[in-house]
Amino acid sequence: MTLQDLISLDGKLELYAQDGRFLGLLSSDRHDPNSIINLKTYGNSHNINSIYYKHGIYGGRYGLHSPYNYCCLYPPTLILQQQYMALISKNKHILDRNLTIIDPDAMLAIYTNLSSSILC
């Protein structure tokens, strides 16, 4: 999976923690309540089920399932039609199902930029 794939699959990829918790939809639609850039839900830094919540297990530098934890062995997974597609993590040394590792900041930038270009 490439960054270009993330663009072409806008609104189709789901983000799940390794423990099965839904963490949002990779969508540039800021009004979609499931979108990772919706500031009221999964894009909210105060939502305990958001990867942006710095004090939870799904976010921050020390979260057990956080893509921002450089030592995380169980980062969130991108799923498309019940198929594992990629891992979202700052840890570039994970060997899990031979999946591509995507940086969470790059992922967020893609959907934020797509959303901005749609508004213009």
PDB file of N, CA and C in Angstrom:
ATOM      1  N   MET A   1       0.846  -1.180   0.000  1.00  0.00           N
ATOM      2  CA  MET A   1       0.000   0.000   0.000  1.00  0.00           C
ATOM      3  C   MET A   1       0.887   1.238   0.000  1.00  0.00           C
ATOM      4  N   THR A   2       0.536   2.187  -0.842  1.00  0.00           N
ATOM      5  CA  THR A   2       1.307   3.418  -0.966  1.00  0.00           C
ATOM      6  C   THR A   2       0.464   4.606  -0.493  1.00  0.00           C
ATOM      7  N   LEU A   3       1.104   5.751  -0.402  1.00  0.00           N
ATOM      8  CA  LEU A   3       0.371   6.964  -0.044  1.00  0.00           C
ATOM      9  C   LEU A   3      -0.650   7.307  -1.131  1.00  0.00           C
ATOM     10  N   GLN A   4      -0.334   7.016  -2.379  1.00  0.00           N
ATOM     11  CA  GLN A   4      -1.284   7.225  -3.476  1.00  0.00           C
ATOM     12  C   GLN A   4      -2.526   6.352  -3.287  1.00  0.00           C
ATOM     13  N   ASP A   5      -2.330   5.136  -2.779  1.00  0.00           N
ATOM     14  CA  ASP A   5      -3.470   4.257  -2.493  1.00  0.00           C
ATOM     15  C   ASP A   5      -4.378   4.884  -1.438  1.00  0.00           C
ATOM     16  N   LEU A   6      -3.783   5.535  -0.444  1.00  0.00           N
ATOM     17  CA  LEU A   6      -4.583   6.199   0.594  1.00  0.00           C
ATOM     18  C   LEU A   6      -5.488   7.266  -0.018  1.00  0.00           C
ATOM     19  N   ILE A   7      -4.968   7.977  -1.002  1.00  0.00           N
ATOM     20  CA  ILE A   7      -5.756   9.012  -1.681  1.00  0.00           C
ATOM     21  C   ILE A   7      -6.901   8.377  -2.466  1.00  0.00           C
ATOM     22  N   SER A   8      -6.587   7.354  -3.237  1.00  0.00           N
ATOM     23  CA  SER A   8      -7.614   6.736  -4.087  1.00  0.00           C
ATOM     24  C   SER A   8      -8.667   5.980  -3.277  1.00  0.00           C
ATOM     25  N   LEU A   9      -8.344   5.582  -2.051  1.00  0.00           N
ATOM     26  CA  LEU A   9      -9.292   4.846  -1.207  1.00  0.00           C
ATOM     27  C   LEU A   9      -9.937   5.746  -0.153  1.00  0.00           C
ATOM     28  N   ASP A  10      -9.968   7.039  -0.414  1.00  0.00           N
ATOM     29  CA  ASP A  10     -10.585   8.005   0.502  1.00  0.00           C
ATOM     30  C   ASP A  10     -12.009   7.569   0.855  1.00  0.00           C
ATOM     31  N   GLY A  11     -12.256   7.411   2.150  1.00  0.00           N
ATOM     32  CA  GLY A  11     -13.584   7.026   2.624  1.00  0.00           C
ATOM     33  C   GLY A  11     -13.847   5.535   2.663  1.00  0.00           C
ATOM     34  N   LYS A  12     -12.848   4.730   2.323  1.00  0.00           N
ATOM     35  CA  LYS A  12     -13.049   3.276   2.272  1.00  0.00           C
ATOM     36  C   LYS A  12     -12.224   2.494   3.291  1.00  0.00           C
ATOM     37  N   LEU A  13     -11.115   3.060   3.749  1.00  0.00           N
ATOM     38  CA  LEU A  13     -10.245   2.356   4.691  1.00  0.00           C
ATOM     39  C   LEU A  13     -10.674   2.632   6.127  1.00  0.00           C
ATOM     40  N   GLU A  14     -10.719   1.584   6.929  1.00  0.00           N
ATOM     41  CA  GLU A  14     -11.062   1.719   8.338  1.00  0.00           C
ATOM     42  C   GLU A  14      -9.816   1.475   9.178  1.00  0.00           C
ATOM     43  N   LEU A  15      -9.719   2.203  10.277  1.00  0.00           N
ATOM     44  CA  LEU A  15      -8.583   2.086  11.184  1.00  0.00           C
ATOM     45  C   LEU A  15      -9.043   1.346  12.437  1.00  0.00           C
ATOM     46  N   TYR A  16      -8.363   0.249  12.747  1.00  0.00           N
ATOM     47  CA  TYR A  16      -8.686  -0.547  13.925  1.00  0.00           C
ATOM     48  C   TYR A  16      -7.444  -0.758  14.773  1.00  0.00           C
ATOM     49  N   ALA A  17      -7.649  -0.697  16.090  1.00  0.00           N
ATOM     50  CA  ALA A  17      -6.582  -1.056  17.021  1.00  0.00           C
ATOM     51  C   ALA A  17      -6.434  -2.573  16.979  1.00  0.00           C
ATOM     52  N   GLN A  18      -5.283  -3.054  17.408  1.00  0.00           N
ATOM     53  CA  GLN A  18      -5.034  -4.498  17.414  1.00  0.00           C
ATOM     54  C   GLN A  18      -5.968  -5.231  18.379  1.00  0.00           C
ATOM     55  N   ASP A  19      -6.554  -4.504  19.328  1.00  0.00           N
ATOM     56  CA  ASP A  19      -7.504  -5.138  20.247  1.00  0.00           C
ATOM     57  C   ASP A  19      -8.923  -5.132  19.688  1.00  0.00           C
ATOM     58  N   GLY A  20      -9.099  -4.679  18.439  1.00  0.00           N
ATOM     59  CA  GLY A  20     -10.391  -4.707  17.775  1.00  0.00           C
ATOM     60  C   GLY A  20     -11.191  -3.417  17.847  1.00  0.00           C
ATOM     61  N   ARG A  21     -10.709  -2.420  18.575  1.00  0.00           N
ATOM     62  CA  ARG A  21     -11.424  -1.148  18.724  1.00  0.00           C
ATOM     63  C   ARG A  21     -11.377  -0.362  17.416  1.00  0.00           C
ATOM     64  N   PHE A  22     -12.545   0.074  16.954  1.00  0.00           N
ATOM     65  CA  PHE A  22     -12.627   0.938  15.774  1.00  0.00           C
ATOM     66  C   PHE A  22     -12.081   2.314  16.142  1.00  0.00           C
ATOM     67  N   LEU A  23     -11.145   2.830  15.310  1.00  0.00           N
ATOM     68  CA  LEU A  23     -10.501   4.112  15.593  1.00  0.00           C
ATOM     69  C   LEU A  23     -10.788   5.165  14.530  1.00  0.00           C
ATOM     70  N   GLY A  24     -11.653   4.854  13.595  1.00  0.00           N
ATOM     71  CA  GLY A  24     -12.040   5.860  12.620  1.00  0.00           C
ATOM     72  C   GLY A  24     -11.929   5.396  11.181  1.00  0.00           C
ATOM     73  N   LEU A  25     -12.533   6.197  10.328  1.00  0.00           N
ATOM     74  CA  LEU A  25     -12.532   5.980   8.890  1.00  0.00           C
ATOM     75  C   LEU A  25     -11.560   6.959   8.249  1.00  0.00           C
ATOM     76  N   LEU A  26     -10.735   6.476   7.333  1.00  0.00           N
ATOM     77  CA  LEU A  26      -9.816   7.371   6.637  1.00  0.00           C
ATOM     78  C   LEU A  26     -10.594   8.084   5.542  1.00  0.00           C
ATOM     79  N   SER A  27     -11.099   9.240   5.911  1.00  0.00           N
ATOM     80  CA  SER A  27     -11.972   9.999   5.026  1.00  0.00           C
ATOM     81  C   SER A  27     -11.642  11.478   5.103  1.00  0.00           C
ATOM     82  N   SER A  28     -11.710  12.138   3.968  1.00  0.00           N
ATOM     83  CA  SER A  28     -11.478  13.586   3.920  1.00  0.00           C
ATOM     84  C   SER A  28     -12.751  14.362   4.243  1.00  0.00           C
ATOM     85  N   ASP A  29     -13.839  13.662   4.514  1.00  0.00           N
ATOM     86  CA  ASP A  29     -15.108  14.307   4.840  1.00  0.00           C
ATOM     87  C   ASP A  29     -15.130  14.707   6.316  1.00  0.00           C
ATOM     88  N   ARG A  30     -14.889  15.969   6.590  1.00  0.00           N
ATOM     89  CA  ARG A  30     -14.855  16.474   7.972  1.00  0.00           C
ATOM     90  C   ARG A  30     -16.195  16.336   8.684  1.00  0.00           C
ATOM     91  N   HIS A  31     -17.282  16.157   7.937  1.00  0.00           N
ATOM     92  CA  HIS A  31     -18.613  16.053   8.534  1.00  0.00           C
ATOM     93  C   HIS A  31     -19.017  14.616   8.827  1.00  0.00           C
ATOM     94  N   ASP A  32     -18.268  13.670   8.293  1.00  0.00           N
ATOM     95  CA  ASP A  32     -18.553  12.259   8.577  1.00  0.00           C
ATOM     96  C   ASP A  32     -18.160  11.991  10.024  1.00  0.00           C
ATOM     97  N   PRO A  33     -19.075  11.550  10.879  1.00  0.00           N
ATOM     98  CA  PRO A  33     -18.753  11.336  12.285  1.00  0.00           C
ATOM     99  C   PRO A  33     -17.681  10.271  12.515  1.00  0.00           C
ATOM    100  N   ASN A  34     -17.450   9.415  11.532  1.00  0.00           N
ATOM    101  CA  ASN A  34     -16.425   8.382  11.670  1.00  0.00           C
ATOM    102  C   ASN A  34     -15.059   8.802  11.118  1.00  0.00           C
ATOM    103  N   SER A  35     -14.973   9.961  10.488  1.00  0.00           N
ATOM    104  CA  SER A  35     -13.731  10.405   9.853  1.00  0.00           C
ATOM    105  C   SER A  35     -12.642  10.712  10.884  1.00  0.00           C
ATOM    106  N   ILE A  36     -11.411  10.354  10.543  1.00  0.00           N
ATOM    107  CA  ILE A  36     -10.279  10.636  11.428  1.00  0.00           C
ATOM    108  C   ILE A  36      -9.942  12.126  11.483  1.00  0.00           C
ATOM    109  N   ILE A  37     -10.567  12.921  10.622  1.00  0.00           N
ATOM    110  CA  ILE A  37     -10.336  14.368  10.694  1.00  0.00           C
ATOM    111  C   ILE A  37     -11.556  15.128  11.214  1.00  0.00           C
ATOM    112  N   ASN A  38     -12.588  14.407  11.659  1.00  0.00           N
ATOM    113  CA  ASN A  38     -13.752  15.053  12.273  1.00  0.00           C
ATOM    114  C   ASN A  38     -13.376  15.424  13.700  1.00  0.00           C
ATOM    115  N   LEU A  39     -13.315  16.713  13.978  1.00  0.00           N
ATOM    116  CA  LEU A  39     -12.837  17.192  15.280  1.00  0.00           C
ATOM    117  C   LEU A  39     -13.806  16.920  16.426  1.00  0.00           C
ATOM    118  N   LYS A  40     -14.991  16.447  16.124  1.00  0.00           N
ATOM    119  CA  LYS A  40     -15.947  16.113  17.178  1.00  0.00           C
ATOM    120  C   LYS A  40     -15.838  14.657  17.614  1.00  0.00           C
ATOM    121  N   THR A  41     -15.263  13.809  16.765  1.00  0.00           N
ATOM    122  CA  THR A  41     -15.220  12.383  17.086  1.00  0.00           C
ATOM    123  C   THR A  41     -13.794  11.835  17.011  1.00  0.00           C
ATOM    124  N   TYR A  42     -13.483  11.069  15.987  1.00  0.00           N
ATOM    125  CA  TYR A  42     -12.192  10.372  15.912  1.00  0.00           C
ATOM    126  C   TYR A  42     -11.000  11.278  15.642  1.00  0.00           C
ATOM    127  N   GLY A  43     -11.241  12.499  15.238  1.00  0.00           N
ATOM    128  CA  GLY A  43     -10.165  13.468  15.062  1.00  0.00           C
ATOM    129  C   GLY A  43      -9.989  14.362  16.277  1.00  0.00           C
ATOM    130  N   ASN A  44     -10.723  14.074  17.331  1.00  0.00           N
ATOM    131  CA  ASN A  44     -10.716  14.891  18.549  1.00  0.00           C
ATOM    132  C   ASN A  44      -9.614  14.432  19.505  1.00  0.00           C
ATOM    133  N   SER A  45      -8.777  15.346  19.920  1.00  0.00           N
ATOM    134  CA  SER A  45      -7.664  15.001  20.817  1.00  0.00           C
ATOM    135  C   SER A  45      -8.110  14.734  22.251  1.00  0.00           C
ATOM    136  N   HIS A  46      -9.407  14.811  22.520  1.00  0.00           N
ATOM    137  CA  HIS A  46      -9.935  14.504  23.854  1.00  0.00           C
ATOM    138  C   HIS A  46     -10.814  13.254  23.867  1.00  0.00           C
ATOM    139  N   ASN A  47     -10.943  12.607  22.734  1.00  0.00           N
ATOM    140  CA  ASN A  47     -11.740  11.379  22.619  1.00  0.00           C
ATOM    141  C   ASN A  47     -10.838  10.191  22.947  1.00  0.00           C
ATOM    142  N   ILE A  48     -11.212   9.388  23.936  1.00  0.00           N
ATOM    143  CA  ILE A  48     -10.340   8.277  24.362  1.00  0.00           C
ATOM    144  C   ILE A  48     -10.163   7.223  23.271  1.00  0.00           C
ATOM    145  N   ASN A  49     -11.030   7.210  22.256  1.00  0.00           N
ATOM    146  CA  ASN A  49     -10.902   6.267  21.151  1.00  0.00           C
ATOM    147  C   ASN A  49     -10.259   6.888  19.923  1.00  0.00           C
ATOM    148  N   SER A  50      -9.549   7.991  20.118  1.00  0.00           N
ATOM    149  CA  SER A  50      -8.868   8.670  19.025  1.00  0.00           C
ATOM    150  C   SER A  50      -7.360   8.452  19.132  1.00  0.00           C
ATOM    151  N   ILE A  51      -6.709   8.312  17.986  1.00  0.00           N
ATOM    152  CA  ILE A  51      -5.244   8.186  18.003  1.00  0.00           C
ATOM    153  C   ILE A  51      -4.585   9.511  18.379  1.00  0.00           C
ATOM    154  N   TYR A  52      -5.362  10.576  18.445  1.00  0.00           N
ATOM    155  CA  TYR A  52      -4.832  11.896  18.797  1.00  0.00           C
ATOM    156  C   TYR A  52      -4.956  12.197  20.286  1.00  0.00           C
ATOM    157  N   TYR A  53      -5.581  11.302  21.045  1.00  0.00           N
ATOM    158  CA  TYR A  53      -5.716  11.481  22.489  1.00  0.00           C
ATOM    159  C   TYR A  53      -4.400  11.039  23.140  1.00  0.00           C
ATOM    160  N   LYS A  54      -3.627  11.990  23.610  1.00  0.00           N
ATOM    161  CA  LYS A  54      -2.256  11.742  24.071  1.00  0.00           C
ATOM    162  C   LYS A  54      -2.143  10.921  25.344  1.00  0.00           C
ATOM    163  N   HIS A  55      -3.243  10.787  26.089  1.00  0.00           N
ATOM    164  CA  HIS A  55      -3.164  10.100  27.374  1.00  0.00           C
ATOM    165  C   HIS A  55      -3.831   8.730  27.364  1.00  0.00           C
ATOM    166  N   GLY A  56      -4.233   8.249  26.202  1.00  0.00           N
ATOM    167  CA  GLY A  56      -4.923   6.966  26.119  1.00  0.00           C
ATOM    168  C   GLY A  56      -4.054   5.867  25.543  1.00  0.00           C
ATOM    169  N   ILE A  57      -4.625   4.680  25.462  1.00  0.00           N
ATOM    170  CA  ILE A  57      -3.851   3.550  24.933  1.00  0.00           C
ATOM    171  C   ILE A  57      -3.763   3.568  23.409  1.00  0.00           C
ATOM    172  N   TYR A  58      -4.609   4.361  22.747  1.00  0.00           N
ATOM    173  CA  TYR A  58      -4.601   4.420  21.285  1.00  0.00           C
ATOM    174  C   TYR A  58      -3.863   5.634  20.734  1.00  0.00           C
ATOM    175  N   GLY A  59      -3.373   6.494  21.606  1.00  0.00           N
ATOM    176  CA  GLY A  59      -2.677   7.699  21.164  1.00  0.00           C
ATOM    177  C   GLY A  59      -1.514   8.045  22.069  1.00  0.00           C
ATOM    178  N   GLY A  60      -0.763   9.040  21.671  1.00  0.00           N
ATOM    179  CA  GLY A  60       0.372   9.508  22.462  1.00  0.00           C
ATOM    180  C   GLY A  60       1.620   8.671  22.281  1.00  0.00           C
ATOM    181  N   ARG A  61       2.680   9.156  22.883  1.00  0.00           N
ATOM    182  CA  ARG A  61       3.989   8.499  22.738  1.00  0.00           C
ATOM    183  C   ARG A  61       4.104   7.188  23.502  1.00  0.00           C
ATOM    184  N   TYR A  62       3.217   6.976  24.481  1.00  0.00           N
ATOM    185  CA  TYR A  62       3.359   5.798  25.329  1.00  0.00           C
ATOM    186  C   TYR A  62       2.162   4.850  25.272  1.00  0.00           C
ATOM    187  N   GLY A  63       1.156   5.172  24.477  1.00  0.00           N
ATOM    188  CA  GLY A  63      -0.027   4.316  24.374  1.00  0.00           C
ATOM    189  C   GLY A  63       0.320   2.936  23.850  1.00  0.00           C
ATOM    190  N   LEU A  64      -0.216   1.924  24.500  1.00  0.00           N
ATOM    191  CA  LEU A  64       0.070   0.540  24.138  1.00  0.00           C
ATOM    192  C   LEU A  64      -0.246   0.238  22.671  1.00  0.00           C
ATOM    193  N   HIS A  65      -1.324   0.819  22.151  1.00  0.00           N
ATOM    194  CA  HIS A  65      -1.741   0.590  20.766  1.00  0.00           C
ATOM    195  C   HIS A  65      -1.627   1.860  19.920  1.00  0.00           C
ATOM    196  N   SER A  66      -0.763   2.775  20.313  1.00  0.00           N
ATOM    197  CA  SER A  66      -0.663   4.065  19.639  1.00  0.00           C
ATOM    198  C   SER A  66       0.283   4.038  18.437  1.00  0.00           C
ATOM    199  N   PRO A  67      -0.150   4.636  17.322  1.00  0.00           N
ATOM    200  CA  PRO A  67       0.756   4.737  16.178  1.00  0.00           C
ATOM    201  C   PRO A  67       1.903   5.719  16.430  1.00  0.00           C
ATOM    202  N   TYR A  68       1.786   6.546  17.466  1.00  0.00           N
ATOM    203  CA  TYR A  68       2.824   7.526  17.788  1.00  0.00           C
ATOM    204  C   TYR A  68       3.853   6.998  18.784  1.00  0.00           C
ATOM    205  N   ASN A  69       3.678   5.781  19.252  1.00  0.00           N
ATOM    206  CA  ASN A  69       4.614   5.139  20.168  1.00  0.00           C
ATOM    207  C   ASN A  69       5.690   4.449  19.326  1.00  0.00           C
ATOM    208  N   TYR A  70       6.900   4.956  19.387  1.00  0.00           N
ATOM    209  CA  TYR A  70       7.995   4.429  18.568  1.00  0.00           C
ATOM    210  C   TYR A  70       8.356   2.986  18.907  1.00  0.00           C
ATOM    211  N   CYS A  71       7.916   2.501  20.050  1.00  0.00           N
ATOM    212  CA  CYS A  71       8.197   1.123  20.468  1.00  0.00           C
ATOM    213  C   CYS A  71       6.969   0.223  20.394  1.00  0.00           C
ATOM    214  N   CYS A  72       5.882   0.742  19.888  1.00  0.00           N
ATOM    215  CA  CYS A  72       4.623  -0.005  19.844  1.00  0.00           C
ATOM    216  C   CYS A  72       4.761  -1.258  18.971  1.00  0.00           C
ATOM    217  N   LEU A  73       4.409  -2.389  19.561  1.00  0.00           N
ATOM    218  CA  LEU A  73       4.438  -3.641  18.813  1.00  0.00           C
ATOM    219  C   LEU A  73       3.073  -3.999  18.232  1.00  0.00           C
ATOM    220  N   TYR A  74       2.031  -3.284  18.655  1.00  0.00           N
ATOM    221  CA  TYR A  74       0.662  -3.572  18.224  1.00  0.00           C
ATOM    222  C   TYR A  74      -0.045  -2.311  17.740  1.00  0.00           C
ATOM    223  N   PRO A  75       0.455  -1.683  16.683  1.00  0.00           N
ATOM    224  CA  PRO A  75      -0.149  -0.431  16.196  1.00  0.00           C
ATOM    225  C   PRO A  75      -1.454  -0.683  15.452  1.00  0.00           C
ATOM    226  N   PRO A  76      -2.206   0.383  15.210  1.00  0.00           N
ATOM    227  CA  PRO A  76      -3.456   0.239  14.461  1.00  0.00           C
ATOM    228  C   PRO A  76      -3.222  -0.286  13.041  1.00  0.00           C
ATOM    229  N   THR A  77      -4.259  -0.936  12.542  1.00  0.00           N
ATOM    230  CA  THR A  77      -4.222  -1.552  11.223  1.00  0.00           C
ATOM    231  C   THR A  77      -5.277  -0.924  10.320  1.00  0.00           C
ATOM    232  N   LEU A  78      -4.916  -0.721   9.063  1.00  0.00           N
ATOM    233  CA  LEU A  78      -5.883  -0.279   8.061  1.00  0.00           C
ATOM    234  C   LEU A  78      -6.545  -1.509   7.463  1.00  0.00           C
ATOM    235  N   ILE A  79      -7.870  -1.455   7.401  1.00  0.00           N
ATOM    236  CA  ILE A  79      -8.625  -2.591   6.884  1.00  0.00           C
ATOM    237  C   ILE A  79      -9.544  -2.120   5.762  1.00  0.00           C
ATOM    238  N   LEU A  80      -9.558  -2.900   4.698  1.00  0.00           N
ATOM    239  CA  LEU A  80     -10.438  -2.644   3.556  1.00  0.00           C
ATOM    240  C   LEU A  80     -11.193  -3.939   3.271  1.00  0.00           C
ATOM    241  N   GLN A  81     -12.494  -3.903   3.400  1.00  0.00           N
ATOM    242  CA  GLN A  81     -13.341  -5.065   3.141  1.00  0.00           C
ATOM    243  C   GLN A  81     -12.822  -6.311   3.874  1.00  0.00           C
ATOM    244  N   GLN A  82     -12.562  -6.150   5.152  1.00  0.00           N
ATOM    245  CA  GLN A  82     -12.117  -7.208   6.066  1.00  0.00           C
ATOM    246  C   GLN A  82     -10.735  -7.770   5.729  1.00  0.00           C
ATOM    247  N   GLN A  83      -9.955  -7.029   4.943  1.00  0.00           N
ATOM    248  CA  GLN A  83      -8.587  -7.436   4.604  1.00  0.00           C
ATOM    249  C   GLN A  83      -7.598  -6.465   5.233  1.00  0.00           C
ATOM    250  N   TYR A  84      -6.565  -6.980   5.872  1.00  0.00           N
ATOM    251  CA  TYR A  84      -5.515  -6.141   6.436  1.00  0.00           C
ATOM    252  C   TYR A  84      -4.701  -5.541   5.302  1.00  0.00           C
ATOM    253  N   MET A  85      -4.542  -4.206   5.316  1.00  0.00           N
ATOM    254  CA  MET A  85      -3.868  -3.522   4.224  1.00  0.00           C
ATOM    255  C   MET A  85      -2.528  -2.909   4.632  1.00  0.00           C
ATOM    256  N   ALA A  86      -2.444  -2.325   5.831  1.00  0.00           N
ATOM    257  CA  ALA A  86      -1.221  -1.645   6.265  1.00  0.00           C
ATOM    258  C   ALA A  86      -1.288  -1.401   7.765  1.00  0.00           C
ATOM    259  N   LEU A  87      -0.130  -1.087   8.345  1.00  0.00           N
ATOM    260  CA  LEU A  87      -0.037  -0.678   9.736  1.00  0.00           C
ATOM    261  C   LEU A  87       0.243   0.814   9.784  1.00  0.00           C
ATOM    262  N   ILE A  88      -0.301   1.492  10.780  1.00  0.00           N
ATOM    263  CA  ILE A  88      -0.044   2.916  10.971  1.00  0.00           C
ATOM    264  C   ILE A  88       0.838   3.041  12.198  1.00  0.00           C
ATOM    265  N   SER A  89       2.079   3.484  11.994  1.00  0.00           N
ATOM    266  CA  SER A  89       3.002   3.506  13.128  1.00  0.00           C
ATOM    267  C   SER A  89       4.243   4.347  12.849  1.00  0.00           C
ATOM    268  N   LYS A  90       4.795   4.887  13.944  1.00  0.00           N
ATOM    269  CA  LYS A  90       6.103   5.534  13.899  1.00  0.00           C
ATOM    270  C   LYS A  90       7.215   4.487  14.026  1.00  0.00           C
ATOM    271  N   ASN A  91       6.865   3.289  14.492  1.00  0.00           N
ATOM    272  CA  ASN A  91       7.824   2.196  14.635  1.00  0.00           C
ATOM    273  C   ASN A  91       8.018   1.544  13.270  1.00  0.00           C
ATOM    274  N   LYS A  92       9.162   1.764  12.661  1.00  0.00           N
ATOM    275  CA  LYS A  92       9.437   1.258  11.311  1.00  0.00           C
ATOM    276  C   LYS A  92      10.052  -0.142  11.307  1.00  0.00           C
ATOM    277  N   HIS A  93      10.123  -0.770  12.484  1.00  0.00           N
ATOM    278  CA  HIS A  93      10.786  -2.071  12.583  1.00  0.00           C
ATOM    279  C   HIS A  93       9.839  -3.208  12.914  1.00  0.00           C
ATOM    280  N   ILE A  94       8.557  -2.986  12.740  1.00  0.00           N
ATOM    281  CA  ILE A  94       7.566  -4.017  13.029  1.00  0.00           C
ATOM    282  C   ILE A  94       7.560  -5.032  11.891  1.00  0.00           C
ATOM    283  N   LEU A  95       7.559  -6.282  12.244  1.00  0.00           N
ATOM    284  CA  LEU A  95       7.464  -7.349  11.251  1.00  0.00           C
ATOM    285  C   LEU A  95       6.149  -8.069  11.509  1.00  0.00           C
ATOM    286  N   ASP A  96       5.092  -7.579  10.920  1.00  0.00           N
ATOM    287  CA  ASP A  96       3.768  -8.127  11.174  1.00  0.00           C
ATOM    288  C   ASP A  96       3.034  -8.341   9.854  1.00  0.00           C
ATOM    289  N   ARG A  97       2.858  -9.583   9.459  1.00  0.00           N
ATOM    290  CA  ARG A  97       2.105  -9.954   8.259  1.00  0.00           C
ATOM    291  C   ARG A  97       2.649  -9.300   6.987  1.00  0.00           C
ATOM    292  N   ASN A  98       3.897  -8.866   7.017  1.00  0.00           N
ATOM    293  CA  ASN A  98       4.513  -8.223   5.856  1.00  0.00           C
ATOM    294  C   ASN A  98       3.691  -7.049   5.327  1.00  0.00           C
ATOM    295  N   LEU A  99       3.045  -6.337   6.224  1.00  0.00           N
ATOM    296  CA  LEU A  99       2.250  -5.182   5.835  1.00  0.00           C
ATOM    297  C   LEU A  99       3.122  -3.940   5.737  1.00  0.00           C
ATOM    298  N   THR A 100       2.735  -3.039   4.856  1.00  0.00           N
ATOM    299  CA  THR A 100       3.394  -1.743   4.739  1.00  0.00           C
ATOM    300  C   THR A 100       3.162  -0.961   6.034  1.00  0.00           C
ATOM    301  N   ILE A 101       4.164  -0.211   6.445  1.00  0.00           N
ATOM    302  CA  ILE A 101       4.033   0.654   7.613  1.00  0.00           C
ATOM    303  C   ILE A 101       3.911   2.087   7.106  1.00  0.00           C
ATOM    304  N   ILE A 102       2.829   2.748   7.508  1.00  0.00           N
ATOM    305  CA  ILE A 102       2.563   4.122   7.086  1.00  0.00           C
ATOM    306  C   ILE A 102       2.681   5.041   8.293  1.00  0.00           C
ATOM    307  N   ASP A 103       3.376   6.141   8.124  1.00  0.00           N
ATOM    308  CA  ASP A 103       3.534   7.116   9.198  1.00  0.00           C
ATOM    309  C   ASP A 103       2.180   7.779   9.486  1.00  0.00           C
ATOM    310  N   PRO A 104       1.784   7.881  10.767  1.00  0.00           N
ATOM    311  CA  PRO A 104       0.489   8.485  11.083  1.00  0.00           C
ATOM    312  C   PRO A 104       0.378   9.956  10.685  1.00  0.00           C
ATOM    313  N   ASP A 105       1.479  10.685  10.733  1.00  0.00           N
ATOM    314  CA  ASP A 105       1.441  12.100  10.336  1.00  0.00           C
ATOM    315  C   ASP A 105       1.227  12.240   8.830  1.00  0.00           C
ATOM    316  N   ALA A 106       1.824  11.346   8.049  1.00  0.00           N
ATOM    317  CA  ALA A 106       1.619  11.361   6.591  1.00  0.00           C
ATOM    318  C   ALA A 106       0.167  11.028   6.273  1.00  0.00           C
ATOM    319  N   MET A 107      -0.377  10.049   6.988  1.00  0.00           N
ATOM    320  CA  MET A 107      -1.771   9.668   6.796  1.00  0.00           C
ATOM    321  C   MET A 107      -2.703  10.845   7.087  1.00  0.00           C
ATOM    322  N   LEU A 108      -2.485  11.493   8.209  1.00  0.00           N
ATOM    323  CA  LEU A 108      -3.322  12.634   8.589  1.00  0.00           C
ATOM    324  C   LEU A 108      -3.191  13.770   7.579  1.00  0.00           C
ATOM    325  N   ALA A 109      -1.970  14.036   7.126  1.00  0.00           N
ATOM    326  CA  ALA A 109      -1.739  15.110   6.157  1.00  0.00           C
ATOM    327  C   ALA A 109      -2.507  14.866   4.861  1.00  0.00           C
ATOM    328  N   ILE A 110      -2.557  13.630   4.426  1.00  0.00           N
ATOM    329  CA  ILE A 110      -3.270  13.305   3.191  1.00  0.00           C
ATOM    330  C   ILE A 110      -4.739  13.692   3.295  1.00  0.00           C
ATOM    331  N   TYR A 111      -5.401  13.253   4.360  1.00  0.00           N
ATOM    332  CA  TYR A 111      -6.840  13.496   4.470  1.00  0.00           C
ATOM    333  C   TYR A 111      -7.159  14.942   4.831  1.00  0.00           C
ATOM    334  N   THR A 112      -6.281  15.586   5.561  1.00  0.00           N
ATOM    335  CA  THR A 112      -6.463  17.006   5.856  1.00  0.00           C
ATOM    336  C   THR A 112      -6.334  17.823   4.567  1.00  0.00           C
ATOM    337  N   ASN A 113      -5.315  17.502   3.762  1.00  0.00           N
ATOM    338  CA  ASN A 113      -5.120  18.208   2.491  1.00  0.00           C
ATOM    339  C   ASN A 113      -6.232  17.926   1.501  1.00  0.00           C
ATOM    340  N   LEU A 114      -6.696  16.686   1.439  1.00  0.00           N
ATOM    341  CA  LEU A 114      -7.812  16.359   0.555  1.00  0.00           C
ATOM    342  C   LEU A 114      -9.054  17.156   0.968  1.00  0.00           C
ATOM    343  N   SER A 115      -9.282  17.228   2.254  1.00  0.00           N
ATOM    344  CA  SER A 115     -10.444  17.964   2.758  1.00  0.00           C
ATOM    345  C   SER A 115     -10.346  19.448   2.415  1.00  0.00           C
ATOM    346  N   SER A 116      -9.156  20.006   2.552  1.00  0.00           N
ATOM    347  CA  SER A 116      -8.945  21.427   2.236  1.00  0.00           C
ATOM    348  C   SER A 116      -9.142  21.697   0.757  1.00  0.00           C
ATOM    349  N   SER A 117      -8.689  20.783  -0.088  1.00  0.00           N
ATOM    350  CA  SER A 117      -8.822  21.000  -1.538  1.00  0.00           C
ATOM    351  C   SER A 117     -10.268  20.862  -1.974  1.00  0.00           C
ATOM    352  N   ILE A 118     -11.059  20.074  -1.266  1.00  0.00           N
ATOM    353  CA  ILE A 118     -12.472  19.927  -1.588  1.00  0.00           C
ATOM    354  C   ILE A 118     -13.229  21.200  -1.242  1.00  0.00           C
ATOM    355  N   LEU A 119     -12.820  21.872  -0.163  1.00  0.00           N
ATOM    356  CA  LEU A 119     -13.499  23.089   0.286  1.00  0.00           C
ATOM    357  C   LEU A 119     -13.267  24.265  -0.636  1.00  0.00           C
ATOM    358  N   CYS A 120     -12.150  24.278  -1.357  1.00  0.00           N
ATOM    359  CA  CYS A 120     -11.803  25.419  -2.206  1.00  0.00           C
ATOM    360  C   CYS A 120     -12.570  25.437  -3.500  1.00  0.00           C
TER     361      CYS A 120
END
